């Protein structure tokens, strides 16, 4: 006789298939989806142009919307108190239905499959399974926003916003787990940051804003700077050996003679950087997925060297997975 455990196992198999289908379609659809996000963000910025002390813009997944099969992200604006801000407000929506197409298909298939488990699996059980699955599909929304936002923040409509000294753009579930896709810290201090770096804390420096700092000649080996913002920094002769620099932004930075040997550079962005005589020996920077049977995360974007100065750069034994 069919059991709830068998339903769950079959549902997990179907979920895995749908996530891989989403993965397969995402790269090809990214340019169109990115253009849609940028236009949405422009509209949001124009709508909030008169607000003061904006500390957070958040593209929020609401479970109530998912339950009603309304596949949109609510865009909310907050002051410095974030979720406790009395003046928080919803300022728009962003259509993410394309990234939930296979999610919606899965929901229908599980409703049909439930008929084989009469009396064992309820509609509420299916709904609970789907709510647990939703953040995995929303991970593609996070990826979309993360790799679209830099063009947006260079626009006059964003620069004109009246932001708090510390400002973030986040994507995730309302009052739950969110991820930073962009951060500004107008109060950052070079000396304090170097003291902080000396502690070599795990995760503490991830997603942080270090843009524009002069860190030339510093030893930043074996440090966790995942998705950190190092745009337009002076990083000449910096030792990054063995560091985790996944998703780090080095756009426009001076990285002459920097040493990235044995570091992780998945999704790193070196657009417009000076990389003369930099070393990338034995770095790991594959793109996509790595042959996983079970879906773990969206596939990595390729490392970007767009308009970078690569004269004398050493890529000996670097692993970029054949795509840069």
Protein backbone atom coordinates (compact mmCIF):
# COMPACT_ATOMS: atom_id res chain seq x y z
CA UNK A 1 0.00 0.00 0.00
CA UNK A 2 1.37 3.47 -0.89
CA UNK A 3 2.81 5.38 2.06
CA UNK A 4 3.39 9.09 2.74
CA UNK A 5 7.13 8.39 2.65
CA UNK A 6 6.82 7.07 -0.90
CA UNK A 7 4.93 10.22 -1.88
CA UNK A 8 7.66 12.39 -0.40
CA UNK A 9 10.39 10.46 -2.21
CA UNK A 10 8.60 10.72 -5.53
CA UNK A 11 7.88 14.40 -4.93
CA UNK A 12 11.56 15.05 -4.18
CA UNK A 13 12.54 13.35 -7.45
CA UNK A 14 10.09 15.52 -9.37
CA UNK A 15 11.30 18.64 -7.55
CA UNK A 16 14.89 17.86 -8.50
CA UNK A 17 13.86 17.48 -12.15
CA UNK A 18 12.02 20.81 -12.14
CA UNK A 19 14.95 22.63 -10.58
CA UNK A 20 17.31 21.29 -13.23
CA UNK A 21 14.85 22.41 -15.91
CA UNK A 22 14.88 25.88 -14.40
CA UNK A 23 18.68 25.78 -14.38
CA UNK A 24 18.77 24.77 -18.04
CA UNK A 25 16.56 27.66 -19.16
CA UNK A 26 17.97 30.39 -16.90
CA UNK A 27 21.16 31.35 -18.81
CA UNK A 28 19.33 31.74 -22.11
CA UNK A 29 16.57 33.81 -20.53
CA UNK A 30 18.88 35.90 -18.36
CA UNK A 31 19.30 38.87 -20.77
CA UNK A 32 15.54 39.31 -21.09
CA UNK A 33 14.90 38.82 -17.39
CA UNK A 34 17.75 41.16 -16.48
CA UNK A 35 16.34 43.90 -18.71
CA UNK A 36 12.99 43.46 -16.98
CA UNK A 37 14.57 43.74 -13.54
CA UNK A 38 16.50 46.88 -14.48
CA UNK A 39 13.35 48.56 -15.75
CA UNK A 40 11.49 47.55 -12.60
CA UNK A 41 14.28 48.92 -10.41
CA UNK A 42 14.27 52.21 -12.33
CA UNK A 43 10.55 52.56 -11.71
CA UNK A 44 11.02 51.80 -8.00
CA UNK A 45 13.76 54.43 -7.68
CA UNK A 46 11.64 57.05 -9.38
CA UNK A 47 8.73 56.21 -7.09
CA UNK A 48 10.79 56.63 -3.91
CA UNK A 49 12.82 59.63 -5.08
CA UNK A 50 11.28 61.94 -2.48
CA UNK A 51 11.78 59.62 0.50
CA UNK A 52 14.48 60.42 3.08
CA UNK A 53 16.96 58.11 4.84
CA UNK A 54 16.33 55.01 2.77
CA UNK A 55 18.26 52.15 4.40
CA UNK A 56 16.85 49.06 2.70
CA UNK A 57 15.23 48.15 -0.58
CA UNK A 58 14.01 44.56 -0.52
CA UNK A 59 12.59 42.26 -3.18
CA UNK A 60 10.48 40.06 -0.95
CA UNK A 61 9.06 36.57 -1.38
CA UNK A 62 5.67 36.36 0.34
CA UNK A 63 4.36 32.87 1.06
CA UNK A 64 0.81 34.19 0.90
CA UNK A 65 1.44 35.22 -2.70
CA UNK A 66 2.90 31.82 -3.55
CA UNK A 67 -0.09 30.05 -2.01
CA UNK A 68 -2.33 32.11 -4.28
CA UNK A 69 -0.03 31.35 -7.23
CA UNK A 70 0.80 35.01 -7.58
CA UNK A 71 4.44 34.71 -8.59
CA UNK A 72 5.63 38.23 -7.89
CA UNK A 73 8.19 39.73 -5.55
CA UNK A 74 6.88 42.59 -3.47
CA UNK A 75 9.30 45.53 -3.42
CA UNK A 76 9.51 47.17 -0.01
CA UNK A 77 11.43 50.17 1.32
CA UNK A 78 12.60 50.57 4.91
CA UNK A 79 14.41 53.03 7.14
CA UNK A 80 17.27 52.12 9.46
CA UNK A 81 15.02 50.05 11.76
CA UNK A 82 14.33 47.65 8.86
CA UNK A 83 11.34 45.42 9.69
CA UNK A 84 10.59 47.56 12.75
CA UNK A 85 10.53 50.74 10.69
CA UNK A 86 7.19 52.50 11.20
CA UNK A 87 7.37 54.12 7.78
CA UNK A 88 8.12 50.98 5.77
CA UNK A 89 6.07 50.67 2.64
CA UNK A 90 5.44 48.50 -0.38
CA UNK A 91 6.37 50.42 -3.52
CA UNK A 92 5.86 47.90 -6.29
CA UNK A 93 5.99 44.33 -7.55
CA UNK A 94 8.35 42.42 -9.79
CA UNK A 95 7.03 39.59 -11.95
CA UNK A 96 9.07 36.42 -11.33
CA UNK A 97 6.58 34.02 -12.90
CA UNK A 98 9.05 32.76 -15.52
CA UNK A 99 11.35 31.50 -12.77
CA UNK A 100 8.39 29.77 -11.12
CA UNK A 101 7.04 28.09 -14.27
CA UNK A 102 8.41 24.68 -13.35
CA UNK A 103 7.42 25.24 -9.73
CA UNK A 104 3.82 25.74 -10.84
CA UNK A 105 4.02 22.66 -13.08
CA UNK A 106 5.31 20.64 -10.13
CA UNK A 107 2.43 21.77 -7.94
CA UNK A 108 -0.10 20.53 -10.49
CA UNK A 109 1.68 17.22 -10.90
CA UNK A 110 1.76 16.61 -7.14
CA UNK A 111 -1.93 17.37 -6.82
CA UNK A 112 -2.58 14.71 -9.47
CA UNK A 113 -0.12 12.28 -7.88
CA UNK A 114 -1.85 12.67 -4.50
CA UNK A 115 -4.81 10.73 -5.89
CA UNK A 116 -2.66 7.59 -5.73
CA UNK A 117 -2.25 8.18 -1.98
CA UNK A 118 -5.89 8.68 -1.01
CA UNK A 119 -6.23 9.05 2.74
CA UNK A 120 -2.46 9.18 3.15
CA UNK A 121 -1.51 12.56 1.66
CA UNK A 122 -3.69 15.65 2.01
CA UNK A 123 -3.83 18.83 -0.06
CA UNK A 124 -2.29 20.56 2.97
CA UNK A 125 0.66 18.14 2.80
CA UNK A 126 1.22 19.07 -0.83
CA UNK A 127 1.02 22.76 0.00
CA UNK A 128 3.56 22.34 2.81
CA UNK A 129 5.94 20.53 0.45
CA UNK A 130 5.61 23.32 -2.12
CA UNK A 131 6.20 26.07 0.44
CA UNK A 132 9.41 24.32 1.49
CA UNK A 133 10.43 24.10 -2.18
CA UNK A 134 9.70 27.74 -3.05
CA UNK A 135 12.99 29.26 -1.73
CA UNK A 136 14.96 26.98 -4.04
CA UNK A 137 13.26 28.51 -7.06
CA UNK A 138 13.58 31.96 -5.53
CA UNK A 139 17.34 31.41 -5.48
CA UNK A 140 17.19 32.19 -9.21
CA UNK A 141 15.55 35.52 -8.42
CA UNK A 142 18.45 36.29 -6.08
CA UNK A 143 20.94 35.37 -8.80
CA UNK A 144 19.06 37.49 -11.35
CA UNK A 145 19.10 40.54 -9.10
CA UNK A 146 22.72 40.07 -8.03
CA UNK A 147 24.03 40.00 -11.59
CA UNK A 148 21.81 42.82 -12.81
CA UNK A 149 22.19 45.37 -10.03
CA UNK A 150 25.60 46.90 -10.79
CA UNK A 151 24.39 48.56 -13.96
CA UNK A 152 21.45 50.00 -11.99
CA UNK A 153 23.51 51.58 -9.21
CA UNK A 154 25.55 53.55 -11.73
CA UNK A 155 22.42 55.31 -13.00
CA UNK A 156 21.46 58.84 -12.03
CA UNK A 157 18.04 57.73 -10.74
CA UNK A 158 19.76 55.58 -8.12
CA UNK A 159 22.53 58.01 -7.24
CA UNK A 160 19.90 60.68 -6.58
CA UNK A 161 18.18 58.65 -3.85
CA UNK A 162 18.43 60.00 -0.29
CA UNK A 163 20.05 56.97 1.27
CA UNK A 164 21.22 56.33 4.82
CA UNK A 165 25.01 56.08 5.36
CA UNK A 166 24.50 52.31 5.52
CA UNK A 167 22.27 51.03 2.76
CA UNK A 168 21.37 47.59 1.39
CA UNK A 169 19.43 45.98 -1.42
CA UNK A 170 18.24 42.55 -0.28
CA UNK A 171 16.36 39.70 -1.91
CA UNK A 172 14.67 36.93 0.02
CA UNK A 173 11.76 35.87 2.17
CA UNK A 174 9.88 38.44 4.23
CA UNK A 175 11.21 38.64 7.81
CA UNK A 176 13.26 35.50 7.19
CA UNK A 177 16.42 34.64 5.29
CA UNK A 178 17.51 37.29 2.78
CA UNK A 179 20.67 37.81 0.78
CA UNK A 180 22.44 41.09 0.13
CA UNK A 181 22.88 41.85 -3.57
CA UNK A 182 24.28 45.35 -3.03
CA UNK A 183 25.53 47.28 -0.01
CA UNK A 184 26.92 50.75 0.67
CA UNK A 185 28.80 51.83 3.78
CA UNK A 186 29.68 55.50 3.69
CA UNK A 187 31.27 55.21 7.16
CA UNK A 188 33.88 52.54 6.37
CA UNK A 189 37.35 53.16 7.76
CA UNK A 190 40.51 51.61 6.32
CA UNK A 191 42.31 51.15 9.64
CA UNK A 192 39.32 49.56 11.34
CA UNK A 193 38.74 47.25 8.41
CA UNK A 194 42.34 46.04 8.39
CA UNK A 195 42.11 45.28 12.11
CA UNK A 196 38.88 43.39 11.41
CA UNK A 197 40.51 41.45 8.58
CA UNK A 198 43.32 40.38 10.91
CA UNK A 199 40.81 38.23 12.82
CA UNK A 200 40.15 36.14 9.66
CA UNK A 201 36.53 35.52 10.64
CA UNK A 202 34.38 33.17 8.60
CA UNK A 203 31.56 34.84 6.68
CA UNK A 204 31.85 38.17 8.57
CA UNK A 205 33.24 40.07 5.57
CA UNK A 206 30.93 38.53 2.99
CA UNK A 207 28.67 40.93 1.06
CA UNK A 208 30.33 43.94 2.73
CA UNK A 209 31.25 47.22 1.03
CA UNK A 210 34.99 47.85 0.85
CA UNK A 211 34.82 49.79 -2.41
CA UNK A 212 37.30 52.59 -3.04
CA UNK A 213 39.72 51.64 -0.26
CA UNK A 214 43.50 51.64 -0.66
CA UNK A 215 44.67 48.21 0.51
CA UNK A 216 47.84 48.08 -1.58
CA UNK A 217 50.43 45.57 -0.41
CA UNK A 218 48.22 44.02 2.27
CA UNK A 219 48.20 40.34 3.13
CA UNK A 220 44.64 39.15 2.48
CA UNK A 221 45.52 35.49 2.09
CA UNK A 222 43.10 32.79 3.30
CA UNK A 223 40.30 35.30 3.90
CA UNK A 224 36.59 34.84 3.25
CA UNK A 225 35.47 37.73 1.01
CA UNK A 226 32.59 36.03 -0.78
CA UNK A 227 30.48 38.55 -2.71
CA UNK A 228 32.38 41.46 -1.13
CA UNK A 229 32.47 44.77 -2.99
CA UNK A 230 36.06 45.76 -3.83
CA UNK A 231 35.24 47.94 -6.81
CA UNK A 232 37.67 50.76 -7.59
CA UNK A 233 40.05 49.71 -4.80
CA UNK A 234 43.82 50.12 -4.87
CA UNK A 235 44.94 46.51 -4.53
CA UNK A 236 48.38 46.54 -6.07
CA UNK A 237 50.67 43.77 -4.76
CA UNK A 238 47.93 42.33 -2.52
CA UNK A 239 48.32 38.70 -1.47
CA UNK A 240 44.98 36.90 -1.97
CA UNK A 241 46.53 33.40 -1.96
CA UNK A 242 44.11 30.69 -0.82
CA UNK A 243 41.21 33.10 -0.28
CA UNK A 244 37.53 32.52 -0.95
CA UNK A 245 36.63 35.31 -3.38
CA UNK A 246 33.51 33.74 -4.84
CA UNK A 247 31.34 36.47 -6.33
CA UNK A 248 33.69 39.27 -5.24
CA UNK A 249 33.43 42.48 -7.27
CA UNK A 250 36.77 43.90 -8.40
CA UNK A 251 35.38 46.14 -11.15
CA UNK A 252 37.73 49.04 -11.92
CA UNK A 253 40.23 48.01 -9.23
CA UNK A 254 43.99 48.32 -9.57
CA UNK A 255 45.21 44.74 -9.07
CA UNK A 256 48.66 45.03 -10.62
CA UNK A 257 50.91 42.24 -9.33
CA UNK A 258 48.14 40.86 -7.10
CA UNK A 259 48.41 37.15 -6.36
CA UNK A 260 45.19 35.09 -6.48
CA UNK A 261 46.90 31.71 -6.57
CA UNK A 262 44.90 28.78 -5.14
CA UNK A 263 41.87 30.97 -4.45
CA UNK A 264 38.19 30.39 -5.25
CA UNK A 265 36.98 32.88 -7.83
CA UNK A 266 33.61 31.52 -8.90
CA UNK A 267 31.43 34.35 -10.27
CA UNK A 268 34.07 37.02 -9.53
CA UNK A 269 33.87 40.23 -11.58
CA UNK A 270 37.08 41.87 -12.81
CA UNK A 271 35.41 44.14 -15.38
CA UNK A 272 37.62 47.11 -16.19
CA UNK A 273 40.27 46.10 -13.64
CA UNK A 274 44.01 46.53 -14.07
CA UNK A 275 45.40 43.00 -13.81
CA UNK A 276 48.85 43.59 -15.25
CA UNK A 277 51.20 40.84 -14.05
CA UNK A 278 48.58 39.43 -11.66
CA UNK A 279 48.80 35.72 -10.84
CA UNK A 280 45.87 33.31 -11.15
CA UNK A 281 47.82 30.06 -10.71
CA UNK A 282 45.64 27.08 -9.76
CA UNK A 283 42.53 29.18 -9.10
CA UNK A 284 39.12 27.51 -9.12
CA UNK A 285 36.56 29.43 -11.15
CA UNK A 286 34.34 27.00 -13.04
CA UNK A 287 30.94 28.13 -14.23
CA UNK A 288 27.60 26.33 -14.27
CA UNK A 289 27.12 23.18 -12.25
CA UNK A 290 29.66 20.48 -11.61
CA UNK A 291 27.77 17.36 -12.60
CA UNK A 292 25.61 17.18 -9.49
CA UNK A 293 22.85 14.60 -9.50
CA UNK A 294 20.96 16.43 -6.78
CA UNK A 295 20.30 20.16 -7.26
CA UNK A 296 22.23 22.23 -4.72
CA UNK A 297 22.15 25.83 -5.97
CA UNK A 298 21.87 27.83 -9.19
CA UNK A 299 24.83 27.27 -11.48
CA UNK A 300 27.72 29.69 -11.15
CA UNK A 301 28.05 32.56 -13.60
CA UNK A 302 31.37 32.72 -15.42
CA UNK A 303 34.15 35.02 -14.20
CA UNK A 304 34.10 38.36 -16.03
CA UNK A 305 37.27 39.97 -17.39
CA UNK A 306 35.37 42.40 -19.62
CA UNK A 307 37.63 45.36 -20.56
CA UNK A 308 40.26 44.27 -18.01
CA UNK A 309 43.96 44.88 -18.66
CA UNK A 310 45.44 41.37 -18.78
CA UNK A 311 48.95 42.21 -19.95
CA UNK A 312 51.38 39.82 -18.31
CA UNK A 313 48.66 38.05 -16.34
CA UNK A 314 49.63 34.48 -15.38
CA UNK A 315 46.85 31.88 -15.70
CA UNK A 316 49.04 28.79 -15.20
CA UNK A 317 46.87 25.80 -14.23
CA UNK A 318 43.86 28.08 -13.67
CA UNK A 319 40.51 26.31 -13.89
CA UNK A 320 37.83 28.45 -15.51
CA UNK A 321 35.86 25.50 -16.82
CA UNK A 322 36.50 26.57 -20.41
CA UNK A 323 34.42 29.75 -20.07
CA UNK A 324 35.45 33.26 -19.01
